[in-house]
Amino acid sequence: MSARAHEALARSPIVDGHNDLAWAMRDLVGYDLDAYPLDVEQDRTHTDLVRLRAGGVGGQFWSVFVPAQLSGGAAVTATIEQIDFVLRMTARYPEHLALALTADDVDAAFRAGRIASLLGAEGGHSIDGSLAVLRTLHAMGVRYMTLTHNDNTPWADSATDEPVHGGLTDFGRQVVAEMNRLGMLVDLSHVAPSTMRDALAATTAPVIFSHSSSRAVCDHVRNVPDDVLQTLTGNGGVCMVTFVPAFVSPAVAAWEAAVKDDMLARGEDARDWSAQMAAAARWAAAAPPPVATVAQVANHVEHVREVAGVEHVGIGGDYDGCDRLPEGLADVSGYPALIEELLGRRWSAAEIGALTNGNVRRVLRAAQEAADS
């Protein structure tokens, strides 16, 4: 990369909306940081502290994810285990990481030269239908919750499940209201467009999409339609463009659709995250997927800017949450490649700063101000 991309990130470091390292550590080593230390460069994850530094990352929302196949008390327990891992990781590496609960904490981490560690719960099934559990997750440091994962919850429709509720139920609106009261960001990645629209109508604070791209650029159900992106202008929210190849490249999206058709033919559940990963690996052995590119990611970033405005776009890579990534963005050291692409498209320093961290810090602060009022 040219020096100018690294200089841009030194001025305006990335605050990324979504990283699944915690679940990867559960799978790899049962959360054992002695077995897999993160202050050295590793090769079995997309993420470690060395590569975060190389990538110009100044803040990370760590996803405390559990698959929708875990439900009830098991989902709550696994979510708390994920939170515990992130808190232990942050405490273990104080020279690199600083726990951040507010936008002011993120600013303080920047000044101290540390990476702000934030928590985001991926999937409303993690609260087991209980506002008390939601409040407890907030008390433990969780600052956003994705309303669904791949399956519907009893109160919200997912983008990748058959619609049941037509969006949010009355209890779903109560969840949004309680999140607003707490100052917890409402994350609309993974949800159906009807749920997006209902949540945007119900919320009194800006929302985020922690890891979604543009449906007009790549017609995938996990992406955001233009009418919803337009709503962000009035809401104040942010769509954090993701790097997941099937959400970025129409050719990869078509390949993924073929994988899911094969799963259905075999009687497999295409919503099961682990089964999806296994099926993709099986399919790739016979039909390697197309390659997504940095330029395609930049196309999504620019489309969100054109439709919603530069104040409403961010970055949510989804590292360690997918098996393949676009060429040039293979791990968390790759963010300068995207910044280089955007600088080549004449993005100004102010626009780069809004994209990398300014917009999400503003939304985090606005959510807390809405709660305080």
Protein backbone atom coordinates (compact mmCIF):
# COMPACT_ATOMS: atom_id res chain seq x y z
CA MET A 1 0.00 0.00 0.00
CA SER A 2 1.07 3.58 -0.51
CA ALA A 3 2.13 5.62 2.49
CA ARG A 4 -0.99 7.77 2.08
CA ALA A 5 -3.33 4.89 3.01
CA HIS A 6 -1.38 4.20 6.20
CA GLU A 7 -1.22 7.92 6.96
CA ALA A 8 -4.99 8.19 6.53
CA LEU A 9 -5.52 5.36 9.01
CA ALA A 10 -3.02 6.84 11.44
CA ARG A 11 -5.17 9.99 11.45
CA SER A 12 -8.51 8.16 11.40
CA PRO A 13 -8.22 4.56 12.60
CA ILE A 14 -10.85 1.95 11.78
CA VAL A 15 -13.64 1.21 14.25
CA ASP A 16 -14.97 -2.04 12.80
CA GLY A 17 -18.53 -3.13 13.50
CA HIS A 18 -18.19 -6.91 13.62
CA ASN A 19 -15.50 -9.53 14.30
CA ASP A 20 -16.18 -13.15 15.32
CA LEU A 21 -12.82 -13.92 16.93
CA ALA A 22 -14.50 -14.95 20.21
CA TRP A 23 -16.43 -17.81 18.57
CA ALA A 24 -13.34 -18.82 16.57
CA MET A 25 -11.40 -19.06 19.84
CA ARG A 26 -14.15 -21.23 21.31
CA ASP A 27 -13.91 -23.59 18.32
CA LEU A 28 -10.13 -23.65 18.14
CA VAL A 29 -8.93 -23.79 21.73
CA GLY A 30 -11.90 -23.53 24.08
CA TYR A 31 -11.09 -19.84 24.73
CA ASP A 32 -7.57 -20.74 26.01
CA LEU A 33 -5.34 -17.69 25.47
CA ASP A 34 -2.29 -19.64 26.65
CA ALA A 35 -2.83 -22.15 23.86
CA TYR A 36 -3.41 -19.44 21.26
CA PRO A 37 -1.84 -16.12 22.34
CA LEU A 38 -3.07 -13.12 20.38
CA ASP A 39 -0.08 -10.81 20.85
CA VAL A 40 1.85 -12.76 18.21
CA GLU A 41 0.91 -13.22 14.57
CA GLN A 42 -1.23 -16.32 14.10
CA ASP A 43 -2.34 -18.32 11.07
CA ARG A 44 -5.55 -20.09 12.11
CA THR A 45 -7.66 -16.95 12.52
CA HIS A 46 -8.12 -13.75 10.54
CA THR A 47 -7.40 -11.76 13.68
CA ASP A 48 -4.61 -11.13 16.15
CA LEU A 49 -3.23 -8.00 17.78
CA VAL A 50 -0.24 -7.77 15.45
CA ARG A 51 -2.40 -7.69 12.34
CA LEU A 52 -4.98 -5.38 13.91
CA ARG A 53 -2.18 -2.87 14.44
CA ALA A 54 -0.93 -3.38 10.87
CA GLY A 55 -4.46 -2.82 9.57
CA GLY A 56 -4.87 0.54 11.29
CA VAL A 57 -7.64 -0.66 13.60
CA GLY A 58 -8.37 1.64 16.54
CA GLY A 59 -11.60 0.07 17.74
CA GLN A 60 -13.38 -3.25 17.36
CA PHE A 61 -16.89 -4.40 18.17
CA TRP A 62 -16.22 -8.00 19.18
CA SER A 63 -19.23 -10.13 18.31
CA VAL A 64 -20.42 -12.22 21.25
CA PHE A 65 -22.13 -14.59 18.86
CA VAL A 66 -23.95 -17.85 19.42
CA PRO A 67 -25.64 -19.75 16.56
CA ALA A 68 -29.40 -19.85 16.50
CA GLN A 69 -29.26 -23.63 16.98
CA LEU A 70 -28.52 -22.81 20.62
CA SER A 71 -31.71 -21.61 22.27
CA GLY A 72 -33.16 -20.86 25.68
CA GLY A 73 -30.79 -21.04 28.61
CA ALA A 74 -28.05 -22.61 26.47
CA ALA A 75 -27.96 -19.49 24.27
CA VAL A 76 -27.80 -17.18 27.29
CA THR A 77 -24.98 -19.22 28.86
CA ALA A 78 -22.95 -19.32 25.64
CA THR A 79 -23.39 -15.57 25.18
CA ILE A 80 -22.07 -14.92 28.69
CA GLU A 81 -19.11 -17.21 27.96
CA GLN A 82 -18.38 -15.12 24.87
CA ILE A 83 -18.56 -11.90 26.90
CA ASP A 84 -16.27 -13.43 29.51
CA PHE A 85 -13.72 -14.29 26.82
CA VAL A 86 -13.65 -10.74 25.42
CA LEU A 87 -13.29 -9.25 28.91
CA ARG A 88 -10.47 -11.67 29.74
CA MET A 89 -8.74 -10.98 26.43
CA THR A 90 -8.96 -7.23 27.02
CA ALA A 91 -7.58 -7.58 30.55
CA ARG A 92 -4.75 -9.87 29.38
CA TYR A 93 -3.41 -7.38 26.81
CA PRO A 94 -3.77 -3.94 28.45
CA GLU A 95 -0.94 -2.51 26.38
CA HIS A 96 -3.00 -3.21 23.23
CA LEU A 97 -6.68 -3.22 24.26
CA ALA A 98 -8.96 -1.00 26.35
CA LEU A 99 -12.56 -1.85 27.25
CA ALA A 100 -14.90 0.76 25.77
CA LEU A 101 -18.49 1.27 26.91
CA THR A 102 -19.01 4.79 25.52
CA ALA A 103 -17.85 7.00 22.69
CA ASP A 104 -15.71 8.87 25.21
CA ASP A 105 -14.00 5.56 26.05
CA VAL A 106 -13.25 5.04 22.37
CA ASP A 107 -11.73 8.52 22.18
CA ALA A 108 -9.63 7.81 25.28
CA ALA A 109 -8.36 4.56 23.77
CA PHE A 110 -7.34 6.44 20.62
CA ARG A 111 -5.37 8.95 22.68
CA ALA A 112 -3.66 6.16 24.62
CA GLY A 113 -2.69 4.31 21.44
CA ARG A 114 -4.81 1.31 22.34
CA ILE A 115 -7.56 -0.52 20.46
CA ALA A 116 -11.01 0.16 21.91
CA SER A 117 -12.75 -3.14 22.69
CA LEU A 118 -16.54 -3.01 22.41
CA LEU A 119 -19.10 -5.81 22.66
CA GLY A 120 -21.97 -6.63 20.32
CA ALA A 121 -24.42 -9.52 20.78
CA GLU A 122 -25.33 -11.20 17.49
CA GLY A 123 -28.87 -12.50 17.65
CA GLY A 124 -31.94 -11.72 19.74
CA HIS A 125 -32.21 -15.40 20.70
CA SER A 126 -29.40 -14.59 23.15
CA ILE A 127 -31.88 -12.93 25.54
CA ASP A 128 -34.31 -15.89 25.59
CA GLY A 129 -37.32 -13.57 25.36
CA SER A 130 -36.38 -11.73 28.56
CA LEU A 131 -35.90 -7.99 28.95
CA ALA A 132 -34.11 -8.77 32.23
CA VAL A 133 -31.47 -10.73 30.29
CA LEU A 134 -31.19 -7.84 27.83
CA ARG A 135 -30.56 -5.43 30.70
CA THR A 136 -28.00 -7.80 32.19
CA LEU A 137 -26.10 -8.06 28.90
CA HIS A 138 -25.98 -4.27 28.81
CA ALA A 139 -24.70 -4.20 32.39
CA MET A 140 -21.95 -6.63 31.33
CA GLY A 141 -20.83 -4.22 28.61
CA VAL A 142 -22.80 -5.20 25.49
CA ARG A 143 -23.44 -2.08 23.41
CA TYR A 144 -25.37 -3.46 20.47
CA MET A 145 -27.65 -6.40 19.79
CA THR A 146 -28.48 -7.81 16.37
CA LEU A 147 -32.23 -8.46 16.54
CA THR A 148 -31.98 -11.86 14.82
CA HIS A 149 -29.37 -14.20 13.46
CA ASN A 150 -30.19 -16.68 10.67
CA ASP A 151 -33.49 -17.83 12.25
CA ASN A 152 -36.56 -15.88 13.27
CA THR A 153 -36.92 -15.13 16.94
CA PRO A 154 -40.39 -15.35 18.53
CA TRP A 155 -40.57 -11.57 18.09
CA ALA A 156 -38.68 -10.67 14.87
CA ASP A 157 -38.28 -12.01 11.33
CA SER A 158 -34.84 -12.89 9.98
CA ALA A 159 -33.69 -12.25 6.43
CA THR A 160 -32.77 -15.93 6.00
CA ASP A 161 -35.87 -17.59 7.43
CA GLU A 162 -39.47 -17.85 6.25
CA PRO A 163 -41.41 -14.75 7.42
CA VAL A 164 -43.76 -15.36 10.33
CA HIS A 165 -44.40 -12.03 12.04
CA GLY A 166 -44.31 -9.57 9.14
CA GLY A 167 -41.46 -7.71 10.89
CA LEU A 168 -41.52 -7.01 14.63
CA THR A 169 -44.18 -8.20 17.05
CA ASP A 170 -45.38 -6.01 19.93
CA PHE A 171 -42.74 -7.63 22.14
CA GLY A 172 -40.15 -6.89 19.45
CA ARG A 173 -41.07 -3.22 19.69
CA GLN A 174 -40.67 -3.48 23.48
CA VAL A 175 -37.17 -4.87 22.93
CA VAL A 176 -36.29 -1.89 20.69
CA ALA A 177 -37.74 0.54 23.25
CA GLU A 178 -35.72 -1.04 26.07
CA MET A 179 -32.55 -0.92 23.99
CA ASN A 180 -33.21 2.77 23.36
CA ARG A 181 -33.72 3.33 27.09
CA LEU A 182 -30.45 1.57 27.90
CA GLY A 183 -28.44 3.27 25.16
CA MET A 184 -27.80 -0.06 23.39
CA LEU A 185 -27.54 0.20 19.61
CA VAL A 186 -30.23 -1.61 17.60
CA ASP A 187 -28.38 -3.67 14.97
CA LEU A 188 -30.40 -4.54 11.88
CA SER A 189 -27.94 -6.82 10.09
CA HIS A 190 -29.44 -10.30 9.56
CA VAL A 191 -33.05 -9.11 9.86
CA ALA A 192 -35.75 -9.15 7.17
CA PRO A 193 -36.50 -5.86 5.37
CA SER A 194 -39.89 -5.80 7.13
CA THR A 195 -38.08 -5.97 10.48
CA MET A 196 -35.69 -3.22 9.37
CA ARG A 197 -38.61 -0.95 8.53
CA ASP A 198 -40.53 -1.74 11.73
CA ALA A 199 -37.44 -1.14 13.88
CA LEU A 200 -36.66 2.14 12.13
CA ALA A 201 -40.26 3.25 12.72
CA ALA A 202 -40.09 2.26 16.41
CA THR A 203 -36.65 3.47 17.45
CA THR A 204 -35.94 6.81 19.08
CA ALA A 205 -32.17 6.52 18.48
CA PRO A 206 -29.95 5.87 15.46
CA VAL A 207 -29.56 2.23 14.37
CA ILE A 208 -26.65 0.38 12.85
CA PHE A 209 -26.12 -2.42 10.37
CA SER A 210 -22.99 -3.93 11.92
CA HIS A 211 -22.05 -6.02 8.86
CA SER A 212 -24.24 -5.62 5.77
CA SER A 213 -23.76 -4.28 2.27
CA SER A 214 -26.00 -2.85 -0.48
CA ARG A 215 -28.75 -4.98 -2.01
CA ALA A 216 -28.83 -2.80 -5.14
CA VAL A 217 -25.17 -3.65 -5.82
CA CYS A 218 -25.43 -7.33 -4.84
CA ASP A 219 -28.92 -8.86 -4.57
CA HIS A 220 -28.42 -10.95 -1.44
CA VAL A 221 -31.07 -11.21 1.28
CA ARG A 222 -28.51 -10.15 3.91
CA ASN A 223 -27.99 -6.78 2.25
CA VAL A 224 -29.89 -3.52 2.74
CA PRO A 225 -32.48 -2.25 0.22
CA ASP A 226 -32.17 1.34 -0.98
CA ASP A 227 -35.41 2.50 0.64
CA VAL A 228 -34.02 1.43 4.02
CA LEU A 229 -30.67 3.10 3.32
CA GLN A 230 -32.56 6.31 2.50
CA THR A 231 -34.27 6.11 5.90
CA LEU A 232 -30.88 6.29 7.63
CA THR A 233 -30.60 9.93 6.59
CA GLY A 234 -33.47 10.88 8.90
CA ASN A 235 -32.65 8.28 11.55
CA GLY A 236 -28.96 9.16 11.78
CA GLY A 237 -27.83 5.54 11.61
CA VAL A 238 -24.92 3.82 9.88
CA CYS A 239 -24.62 0.91 7.43
CA MET A 240 -21.26 -0.73 8.12
CA VAL A 241 -20.29 -2.34 4.82
CA THR A 242 -19.09 -5.91 5.17
CA PHE A 243 -16.46 -7.92 3.29
CA VAL A 244 -18.34 -11.25 3.13
CA PRO A 245 -17.82 -12.26 -0.53
CA ALA A 246 -21.39 -13.49 -1.10
CA PHE A 247 -22.71 -10.11 0.08
CA VAL A 248 -20.21 -8.21 -2.06
CA SER A 249 -19.99 -10.05 -5.39
CA PRO A 250 -23.04 -11.13 -7.47
CA ALA A 251 -20.99 -14.02 -8.86
CA VAL A 252 -20.15 -15.28 -5.37
CA ALA A 253 -23.77 -14.79 -4.32
CA ALA A 254 -24.86 -17.05 -7.18
CA TRP A 255 -22.25 -19.64 -6.11
CA GLU A 256 -23.55 -19.51 -2.53
CA ALA A 257 -27.13 -19.98 -3.79
CA ALA A 258 -25.98 -23.17 -5.53
CA VAL A 259 -24.44 -24.38 -2.26
CA LYS A 260 -27.73 -23.80 -0.44
CA ASP A 261 -29.68 -25.59 -3.18
CA ASP A 262 -27.33 -28.55 -2.68
CA MET A 263 -27.92 -28.41 1.08
CA LEU A 264 -31.69 -28.48 0.57
CA ALA A 265 -31.35 -31.43 -1.81
CA ARG A 266 -29.43 -33.28 0.90
CA GLY A 267 -32.01 -32.39 3.57
CA GLU A 268 -29.61 -30.03 5.40
CA ASP A 269 -30.69 -26.84 7.17
CA ALA A 270 -29.37 -23.91 5.14
CA ARG A 271 -29.87 -21.59 8.17
CA ASP A 272 -27.44 -23.59 10.30
CA TRP A 273 -24.25 -21.52 10.35
CA SER A 274 -21.91 -24.47 10.98
CA ALA A 275 -23.64 -26.60 8.34
CA GLN A 276 -23.33 -23.74 5.85
CA MET A 277 -19.56 -23.56 6.41
CA ALA A 278 -19.19 -27.32 5.95
CA ALA A 279 -21.36 -27.33 2.81
CA ALA A 280 -19.39 -24.45 1.30
CA ALA A 281 -16.13 -26.33 1.88
CA ARG A 282 -17.61 -29.46 0.28
CA TRP A 283 -18.91 -27.53 -2.75
CA ALA A 284 -15.63 -25.60 -3.17
CA ALA A 285 -13.72 -28.84 -3.61
CA ALA A 286 -15.66 -29.49 -6.83
CA ALA A 287 -16.50 -25.92 -7.91
CA PRO A 288 -14.18 -23.27 -6.46
CA PRO A 289 -16.01 -20.01 -5.75
CA PRO A 290 -15.39 -16.83 -7.74
CA VAL A 291 -13.14 -14.25 -6.10
CA ALA A 292 -14.53 -11.01 -4.71
CA THR A 293 -12.37 -7.88 -4.93
CA VAL A 294 -11.51 -4.76 -2.96
CA ALA A 295 -13.01 -2.73 -5.80
CA GLN A 296 -16.36 -4.49 -5.32
CA VAL A 297 -16.33 -3.66 -1.60
CA ALA A 298 -15.59 -0.05 -2.51
CA ASN A 299 -18.59 -0.09 -4.88
CA HIS A 300 -20.83 -0.91 -1.90
CA VAL A 301 -19.24 1.82 0.21
CA GLU A 302 -19.81 4.35 -2.54
CA HIS A 303 -23.39 3.22 -3.13
CA VAL A 304 -24.27 3.66 0.55
CA ARG A 305 -22.68 7.11 0.42
CA GLU A 306 -24.70 8.03 -2.68
CA VAL A 307 -28.03 6.80 -1.31
CA ALA A 308 -27.80 7.63 2.41
CA GLY A 309 -24.96 10.16 2.57
CA VAL A 310 -21.35 9.98 3.68
CA GLU A 311 -22.49 10.44 7.32
CA HIS A 312 -24.19 7.03 7.20
CA VAL A 313 -21.52 4.58 6.03
CA GLY A 314 -19.00 2.56 8.02
CA ILE A 315 -17.05 -0.72 7.92
CA GLY A 316 -17.95 -4.09 9.47
CA GLY A 317 -15.59 -6.67 8.02
CA ASP A 318 -16.98 -9.88 9.64
CA TYR A 319 -13.49 -11.31 10.04
CA ASP A 320 -13.45 -14.81 11.56
CA GLY A 321 -17.14 -15.05 10.71
CA CYS A 322 -16.68 -16.36 7.16
CA ASP A 323 -14.27 -18.76 5.53
CA ARG A 324 -13.19 -16.68 2.51
CA LEU A 325 -12.65 -12.97 2.00
CA PRO A 326 -12.09 -10.66 -0.97
CA GLU A 327 -8.69 -10.60 -2.60
CA GLY A 328 -6.51 -8.13 -0.71
CA LEU A 329 -8.68 -8.29 2.43
CA ALA A 330 -7.66 -11.74 3.64
CA ASP A 331 -7.24 -10.73 7.29
CA VAL A 332 -7.47 -7.70 9.57
CA SER A 333 -4.26 -6.24 8.21
CA GLY A 334 -6.08 -5.58 4.92
CA TYR A 335 -8.06 -2.40 5.69
CA PRO A 336 -5.40 -0.15 4.07
CA ALA A 337 -6.20 -1.82 0.72
CA LEU A 338 -9.78 -0.52 0.91
CA ILE A 339 -8.63 2.95 1.97
CA GLU A 340 -6.15 2.98 -0.93
CA GLU A 341 -8.98 2.10 -3.33
CA LEU A 342 -11.17 4.90 -1.99
CA LEU A 343 -8.35 7.44 -2.08
CA GLY A 344 -7.90 6.49 -5.72
CA ARG A 345 -11.58 7.34 -6.19
CA ARG A 346 -10.90 10.83 -4.79
CA TRP A 347 -12.32 10.38 -1.31
CA SER A 348 -11.27 13.28 0.87
CA ALA A 349 -9.61 13.00 4.29
CA ALA A 350 -12.88 14.10 5.90
CA GLU A 351 -14.87 11.44 4.06
CA ILE A 352 -12.34 8.76 5.00
CA GLY A 353 -12.56 9.88 8.64
CA ALA A 354 -16.36 9.65 8.61
CA LEU A 355 -16.21 6.14 7.13
CA THR A 356 -13.49 4.72 9.37
CA ASN A 357 -14.74 5.89 12.75
CA GLY A 358 -16.49 9.25 12.79
CA ASN A 359 -19.95 7.96 11.92
CA VAL A 360 -20.03 5.01 14.31
CA ARG A 361 -18.63 7.11 17.19
CA ARG A 362 -21.36 9.69 16.53
CA VAL A 363 -24.04 6.99 16.58
CA LEU A 364 -22.68 5.49 19.80
CA ARG A 365 -22.77 8.91 21.42
CA ALA A 366 -26.25 9.67 20.05
CA ALA A 367 -27.65 6.42 21.45
CA GLN A 368 -26.35 7.31 24.91
CA GLU A 369 -27.70 10.86 24.64
CA ALA A 370 -31.12 9.47 23.66
CA ALA A 371 -31.01 7.16 26.69
CA ASP A 372 -29.98 10.00 29.00
CA SER A 373 -32.88 12.13 27.80
